[in-house]
Amino acid sequence: MSEHHYAQPIPAIELAPLDDPELERRWLQQALQNWLDSEYLPEAINGQIADRATSIYLRQRLEGENDLGSLVVAIVTEMQAFDFSKSFYGEFAIANAVSDLLTERLKLDRCCGG
């Protein structure tokens, strides 16, 4: 008897609806800028990247999008228009960083009560 192993889909991560968009904006902008500055060198462009990614994320959330996968796709898609020529990064790295930061914060909230 042979067993077939199928790849399991990545479980969807649903974020809680936003209760404080301004707090969320400040948190993500700062967390993303810190990540960008610590991965390579702090560069002026990092602030612009963090601002742009945060505004895409926030707009999506305010429109009611709470699925992390959909948020990542939206960031990748919209960041394609950003000029990354002065940066080490690209849209996929930024979207993945946002996803990692949000996932990490969810784990902390779950384990340690926020």
N, C-alpha and C. Protein backbone atom coordinates (compact mmCIF):
# COMPACT_ATOMS: atom_id res chain seq x y z
N MET A 1 0.85 -1.18 0.00
CA MET A 1 0.00 0.00 0.00
C MET A 1 0.89 1.24 0.00
N SER A 2 0.71 2.08 -0.99
CA SER A 2 1.56 3.28 -1.05
C SER A 2 0.81 4.48 -0.49
N GLU A 3 1.56 5.31 0.19
CA GLU A 3 0.96 6.53 0.74
C GLU A 3 1.38 7.71 -0.12
N HIS A 4 0.44 8.57 -0.35
CA HIS A 4 0.74 9.79 -1.10
C HIS A 4 0.88 10.94 -0.11
N HIS A 5 1.96 11.66 -0.23
CA HIS A 5 2.16 12.83 0.63
C HIS A 5 1.95 14.08 -0.21
N TYR A 6 1.01 14.87 0.19
CA TYR A 6 0.74 16.10 -0.53
C TYR A 6 1.25 17.27 0.31
N ALA A 7 1.75 18.26 -0.37
CA ALA A 7 2.21 19.45 0.34
C ALA A 7 1.01 20.10 1.03
N GLN A 8 1.19 20.41 2.28
CA GLN A 8 0.12 21.08 3.01
C GLN A 8 0.14 22.57 2.67
N PRO A 9 -1.03 23.15 2.43
CA PRO A 9 -1.03 24.59 2.18
C PRO A 9 -0.61 25.33 3.45
N ILE A 10 -0.02 26.49 3.27
CA ILE A 10 0.36 27.30 4.42
C ILE A 10 -0.93 27.76 5.09
N PRO A 11 -1.05 27.53 6.40
CA PRO A 11 -2.30 27.94 7.05
C PRO A 11 -2.49 29.45 6.95
N ALA A 12 -3.70 29.85 6.68
CA ALA A 12 -4.00 31.28 6.57
C ALA A 12 -3.85 31.91 7.95
N ILE A 13 -3.25 33.06 7.98
CA ILE A 13 -3.15 33.81 9.24
C ILE A 13 -4.06 35.00 9.12
N GLU A 14 -5.03 35.04 10.00
CA GLU A 14 -6.01 36.12 10.01
C GLU A 14 -5.64 37.09 11.14
N LEU A 15 -5.46 38.34 10.79
CA LEU A 15 -5.14 39.34 11.80
C LEU A 15 -6.43 39.89 12.40
N ALA A 16 -6.36 40.26 13.66
CA ALA A 16 -7.53 40.88 14.30
C ALA A 16 -7.82 42.21 13.61
N PRO A 17 -9.09 42.58 13.52
CA PRO A 17 -9.41 43.88 12.92
C PRO A 17 -8.67 45.00 13.65
N LEU A 18 -8.35 46.06 12.91
CA LEU A 18 -7.62 47.20 13.49
C LEU A 18 -8.50 47.94 14.48
N ASP A 19 -8.00 48.16 15.70
CA ASP A 19 -8.75 49.06 16.58
C ASP A 19 -8.08 50.43 16.66
N ASP A 20 -6.77 50.49 16.42
CA ASP A 20 -6.09 51.78 16.50
C ASP A 20 -5.14 51.93 15.30
N PRO A 21 -5.68 52.40 14.17
CA PRO A 21 -4.85 52.50 12.95
C PRO A 21 -3.59 53.34 13.13
N GLU A 22 -3.66 54.41 13.90
CA GLU A 22 -2.50 55.29 14.09
C GLU A 22 -1.40 54.57 14.87
N LEU A 23 -1.79 53.84 15.91
CA LEU A 23 -0.83 53.06 16.69
C LEU A 23 -0.19 51.98 15.81
N GLU A 24 -1.01 51.31 15.00
CA GLU A 24 -0.52 50.28 14.09
C GLU A 24 0.46 50.87 13.07
N ARG A 25 0.11 52.05 12.54
CA ARG A 25 0.97 52.70 11.56
C ARG A 25 2.34 53.02 12.18
N ARG A 26 2.33 53.61 13.38
CA ARG A 26 3.59 53.97 14.04
C ARG A 26 4.42 52.72 14.34
N TRP A 27 3.75 51.67 14.84
CA TRP A 27 4.47 50.44 15.18
C TRP A 27 5.14 49.84 13.95
N LEU A 28 4.38 49.65 12.86
CA LEU A 28 4.93 48.98 11.68
C LEU A 28 6.01 49.84 11.03
N GLN A 29 5.78 51.13 10.93
CA GLN A 29 6.76 52.00 10.29
C GLN A 29 8.10 51.91 11.04
N GLN A 30 8.04 51.97 12.37
CA GLN A 30 9.25 51.91 13.19
C GLN A 30 9.91 50.53 13.12
N ALA A 31 9.10 49.48 13.23
CA ALA A 31 9.63 48.11 13.21
C ALA A 31 10.30 47.81 11.87
N LEU A 32 9.67 48.24 10.79
CA LEU A 32 10.20 47.98 9.45
C LEU A 32 11.47 48.80 9.21
N GLN A 33 11.46 50.06 9.63
CA GLN A 33 12.65 50.89 9.48
C GLN A 33 13.82 50.29 10.28
N ASN A 34 13.56 49.84 11.50
CA ASN A 34 14.61 49.21 12.32
C ASN A 34 15.17 47.98 11.62
N TRP A 35 14.26 47.17 11.04
CA TRP A 35 14.69 45.95 10.33
C TRP A 35 15.56 46.32 9.13
N LEU A 36 15.10 47.29 8.34
CA LEU A 36 15.85 47.71 7.15
C LEU A 36 17.24 48.22 7.54
N ASP A 37 17.29 49.05 8.59
CA ASP A 37 18.56 49.64 9.01
C ASP A 37 19.52 48.62 9.60
N SER A 38 18.98 47.57 10.20
CA SER A 38 19.87 46.59 10.85
C SER A 38 20.33 45.49 9.90
N GLU A 39 19.59 45.23 8.82
CA GLU A 39 19.97 44.16 7.89
C GLU A 39 21.25 44.51 7.12
N TYR A 40 21.33 45.72 6.62
CA TYR A 40 22.53 46.18 5.92
C TYR A 40 22.99 47.44 6.63
N LEU A 41 22.98 48.55 5.92
CA LEU A 41 23.39 49.82 6.50
C LEU A 41 22.18 50.74 6.58
N PRO A 42 22.13 51.57 7.62
CA PRO A 42 21.06 52.58 7.64
C PRO A 42 21.22 53.50 6.43
N GLU A 43 20.19 53.61 5.63
CA GLU A 43 20.22 54.47 4.44
C GLU A 43 18.99 55.36 4.46
N ALA A 44 19.12 56.53 3.87
CA ALA A 44 18.00 57.46 3.84
C ALA A 44 16.76 56.84 3.17
N ILE A 45 16.99 56.04 2.15
CA ILE A 45 15.88 55.44 1.40
C ILE A 45 15.04 54.50 2.27
N ASN A 46 15.63 53.97 3.34
CA ASN A 46 14.90 53.02 4.20
C ASN A 46 13.64 53.64 4.80
N GLY A 47 13.73 54.91 5.18
CA GLY A 47 12.54 55.59 5.72
C GLY A 47 11.43 55.67 4.69
N GLN A 48 11.80 55.94 3.44
CA GLN A 48 10.79 56.03 2.37
C GLN A 48 10.17 54.66 2.11
N ILE A 49 11.01 53.63 2.12
CA ILE A 49 10.50 52.26 1.91
C ILE A 49 9.53 51.88 3.03
N ALA A 50 9.92 52.15 4.27
CA ALA A 50 9.07 51.82 5.41
C ALA A 50 7.76 52.59 5.35
N ASP A 51 7.82 53.88 4.99
CA ASP A 51 6.60 54.69 4.89
C ASP A 51 5.66 54.14 3.82
N ARG A 52 6.24 53.80 2.67
CA ARG A 52 5.42 53.33 1.55
C ARG A 52 4.77 51.98 1.88
N ALA A 53 5.56 51.05 2.39
CA ALA A 53 5.01 49.72 2.73
C ALA A 53 3.96 49.83 3.82
N THR A 54 4.21 50.70 4.80
CA THR A 54 3.26 50.88 5.89
C THR A 54 1.95 51.47 5.39
N SER A 55 2.03 52.44 4.47
CA SER A 55 0.79 53.04 3.98
C SER A 55 -0.01 52.06 3.13
N ILE A 56 0.66 51.20 2.36
CA ILE A 56 -0.05 50.16 1.60
C ILE A 56 -0.75 49.22 2.57
N TYR A 57 0.01 48.75 3.56
CA TYR A 57 -0.54 47.83 4.57
C TYR A 57 -1.75 48.44 5.27
N LEU A 58 -1.61 49.68 5.71
CA LEU A 58 -2.66 50.32 6.48
C LEU A 58 -3.92 50.53 5.62
N ARG A 59 -3.72 50.96 4.38
CA ARG A 59 -4.88 51.16 3.50
C ARG A 59 -5.63 49.84 3.30
N GLN A 60 -4.88 48.76 3.08
CA GLN A 60 -5.50 47.44 2.91
C GLN A 60 -6.29 47.04 4.16
N ARG A 61 -5.68 47.27 5.33
CA ARG A 61 -6.35 46.92 6.59
C ARG A 61 -7.62 47.75 6.79
N LEU A 62 -7.55 49.05 6.47
CA LEU A 62 -8.72 49.92 6.63
C LEU A 62 -9.83 49.55 5.65
N GLU A 63 -9.45 48.92 4.53
CA GLU A 63 -10.45 48.43 3.57
C GLU A 63 -11.02 47.09 4.00
N GLY A 64 -10.53 46.56 5.15
CA GLY A 64 -11.10 45.33 5.70
C GLY A 64 -10.30 44.07 5.42
N GLU A 65 -9.12 44.20 4.84
CA GLU A 65 -8.29 43.02 4.55
C GLU A 65 -7.53 42.61 5.81
N ASN A 66 -7.81 41.41 6.32
CA ASN A 66 -7.13 40.92 7.52
C ASN A 66 -6.32 39.65 7.28
N ASP A 67 -6.35 39.14 6.04
CA ASP A 67 -5.61 37.93 5.72
C ASP A 67 -4.15 38.29 5.41
N LEU A 68 -3.22 37.71 6.18
CA LEU A 68 -1.81 38.08 6.04
C LEU A 68 -1.28 37.78 4.64
N GLY A 69 -1.66 36.65 4.06
CA GLY A 69 -1.20 36.31 2.71
C GLY A 69 -1.63 37.34 1.68
N SER A 70 -2.88 37.78 1.77
CA SER A 70 -3.39 38.80 0.85
C SER A 70 -2.69 40.13 1.05
N LEU A 71 -2.37 40.45 2.30
CA LEU A 71 -1.65 41.70 2.60
C LEU A 71 -0.25 41.66 1.99
N VAL A 72 0.42 40.51 2.08
CA VAL A 72 1.76 40.35 1.52
C VAL A 72 1.72 40.53 0.00
N VAL A 73 0.74 39.91 -0.65
CA VAL A 73 0.60 40.04 -2.11
C VAL A 73 0.36 41.50 -2.49
N ALA A 74 -0.48 42.19 -1.74
CA ALA A 74 -0.76 43.61 -2.03
C ALA A 74 0.51 44.45 -1.91
N ILE A 75 1.31 44.17 -0.88
CA ILE A 75 2.56 44.94 -0.70
C ILE A 75 3.53 44.67 -1.84
N VAL A 76 3.69 43.38 -2.20
CA VAL A 76 4.57 43.04 -3.33
C VAL A 76 4.11 43.77 -4.59
N THR A 77 2.81 43.68 -4.89
CA THR A 77 2.26 44.26 -6.11
C THR A 77 2.45 45.77 -6.15
N GLU A 78 2.10 46.44 -5.06
CA GLU A 78 2.17 47.90 -5.07
C GLU A 78 3.60 48.43 -4.92
N MET A 79 4.47 47.68 -4.27
CA MET A 79 5.86 48.12 -4.11
C MET A 79 6.65 47.95 -5.41
N GLN A 80 6.10 47.24 -6.40
CA GLN A 80 6.79 47.10 -7.68
C GLN A 80 6.99 48.45 -8.35
N ALA A 81 6.13 49.40 -8.04
CA ALA A 81 6.23 50.74 -8.63
C ALA A 81 7.28 51.60 -7.91
N PHE A 82 7.78 51.13 -6.77
CA PHE A 82 8.75 51.90 -5.99
C PHE A 82 10.13 51.79 -6.63
N ASP A 83 10.89 52.88 -6.62
CA ASP A 83 12.23 52.88 -7.20
C ASP A 83 13.24 52.35 -6.16
N PHE A 84 13.63 51.10 -6.31
CA PHE A 84 14.56 50.46 -5.37
C PHE A 84 16.03 50.63 -5.79
N SER A 85 16.30 51.49 -6.77
CA SER A 85 17.67 51.58 -7.30
C SER A 85 18.70 52.04 -6.26
N LYS A 86 18.27 52.78 -5.24
CA LYS A 86 19.20 53.23 -4.19
C LYS A 86 19.18 52.32 -2.97
N SER A 87 18.63 51.12 -3.12
CA SER A 87 18.43 50.25 -1.97
C SER A 87 18.98 48.85 -2.25
N PHE A 88 19.31 48.14 -1.18
CA PHE A 88 19.68 46.72 -1.29
C PHE A 88 18.44 45.85 -1.46
N TYR A 89 17.27 46.41 -1.20
CA TYR A 89 16.04 45.63 -1.10
C TYR A 89 15.21 45.66 -2.37
N GLY A 90 14.21 44.80 -2.39
CA GLY A 90 13.20 44.79 -3.44
C GLY A 90 11.85 44.52 -2.80
N GLU A 91 10.81 44.51 -3.62
CA GLU A 91 9.44 44.38 -3.07
C GLU A 91 9.21 43.07 -2.31
N PHE A 92 9.85 41.98 -2.75
CA PHE A 92 9.62 40.70 -2.06
C PHE A 92 10.24 40.70 -0.66
N ALA A 93 11.44 41.26 -0.55
CA ALA A 93 12.10 41.35 0.76
C ALA A 93 11.27 42.18 1.72
N ILE A 94 10.70 43.28 1.22
CA ILE A 94 9.91 44.17 2.07
C ILE A 94 8.63 43.48 2.52
N ALA A 95 7.93 42.85 1.58
CA ALA A 95 6.68 42.16 1.92
C ALA A 95 6.94 41.04 2.92
N ASN A 96 8.02 40.29 2.71
CA ASN A 96 8.37 39.21 3.66
C ASN A 96 8.72 39.75 5.03
N ALA A 97 9.42 40.89 5.06
CA ALA A 97 9.77 41.50 6.34
C ALA A 97 8.51 41.92 7.10
N VAL A 98 7.56 42.53 6.40
CA VAL A 98 6.30 42.93 7.03
C VAL A 98 5.60 41.69 7.59
N SER A 99 5.55 40.63 6.79
CA SER A 99 4.92 39.39 7.23
C SER A 99 5.61 38.83 8.47
N ASP A 100 6.95 38.80 8.46
CA ASP A 100 7.71 38.28 9.61
C ASP A 100 7.47 39.13 10.86
N LEU A 101 7.47 40.44 10.70
CA LEU A 101 7.26 41.33 11.85
C LEU A 101 5.87 41.12 12.45
N LEU A 102 4.87 41.01 11.59
CA LEU A 102 3.50 40.80 12.07
C LEU A 102 3.34 39.43 12.73
N THR A 103 3.95 38.41 12.13
CA THR A 103 3.87 37.05 12.68
C THR A 103 4.56 36.98 14.04
N GLU A 104 5.72 37.61 14.13
CA GLU A 104 6.47 37.64 15.38
C GLU A 104 5.65 38.32 16.47
N ARG A 105 5.01 39.43 16.11
CA ARG A 105 4.21 40.14 17.10
C ARG A 105 2.99 39.31 17.53
N LEU A 106 2.39 38.58 16.59
CA LEU A 106 1.27 37.70 16.94
C LEU A 106 1.70 36.64 17.95
N LYS A 107 2.86 36.04 17.73
CA LYS A 107 3.38 35.03 18.66
C LYS A 107 3.58 35.62 20.05
N LEU A 108 4.15 36.84 20.10
CA LEU A 108 4.36 37.50 21.39
C LEU A 108 3.02 37.79 22.06
N ASP A 109 2.05 38.28 21.29
CA ASP A 109 0.74 38.58 21.86
C ASP A 109 0.09 37.32 22.42
N ARG A 110 0.22 36.21 21.69
CA ARG A 110 -0.42 34.96 22.12
C ARG A 110 0.26 34.38 23.35
N CYS A 111 1.60 34.41 23.36
CA CYS A 111 2.30 33.77 24.47
C CYS A 111 2.34 34.64 25.72
N CYS A 112 2.41 35.94 25.50
CA CYS A 112 2.74 36.81 26.65
C CYS A 112 1.65 37.84 26.94
N GLY A 113 0.49 37.65 26.36
CA GLY A 113 -0.63 38.53 26.65
C GLY A 113 -0.48 39.95 26.13
N GLY A 114 0.23 40.11 24.99
CA GLY A 114 0.34 41.43 24.39
C GLY A 114 1.33 42.27 25.14
